């Protein structure tokens, strides 16, 4: 009896393996179809990755010019600086949200996903710099793409020397981590409790606390 059970184990393992492969193939086909459909439609949201106030300056001008999409800024410039930028060009504030949990590019996408899903986003425009673009694009394709969100990159030139460094090793490690997260996030999703609307930023309160903005924004700070 024991020998018979031992012989049956490989067969059961093969059946489990085939079942997993079939499930993965079905999931890949479903996600691939969703991505193809999403790619055919225009962006329905903008995700701005923090790193340079120049990105927020460009978005403020676009909103003032008529851009009417929800915007999520992930760990961007100081909130009062962003509000002043938008008010300076008379851009509406009620379509802009700030997320302040991210500490890395990986976090940018991990903490932005719940908000993008809540908005029903299927095609997102990701704003960053040309230097940061390749790594951000690959990571976004893995992390957001695994949830059926098509990614379109928008690269804004920086002024000065970027503070971050990019390398093939850094990109590879990030993408590997993103792939593991993409699998785990199908069952578990970490959120950020520091997501708020730009129009809730109280400038008077920030003036009491003090803040600093990047020099290129031309904002007098306290």
Foldseek 3Di string as FASTA:
>chain_A
DVVVVVVCVVVVVVVVVVVVVVVVVVLVVVLVVLLVVLVVDDWQEEEEEAFACLQLLVVLVVQLVPDDHQYEYEQHFDLVLSLCSNVVSVGDFQRYKYFNDDDDLLSSLQACVVVCVVVVTQEYEYEEAPQCPVLSQLLCCQQVSLVNHHYHYDHDHDPDDGPDDDDPVVSVVSNVVSNVCSVVVVPPGDYGPRMGTSVVDDVVVCLVVWGDDDVVSVDDTD
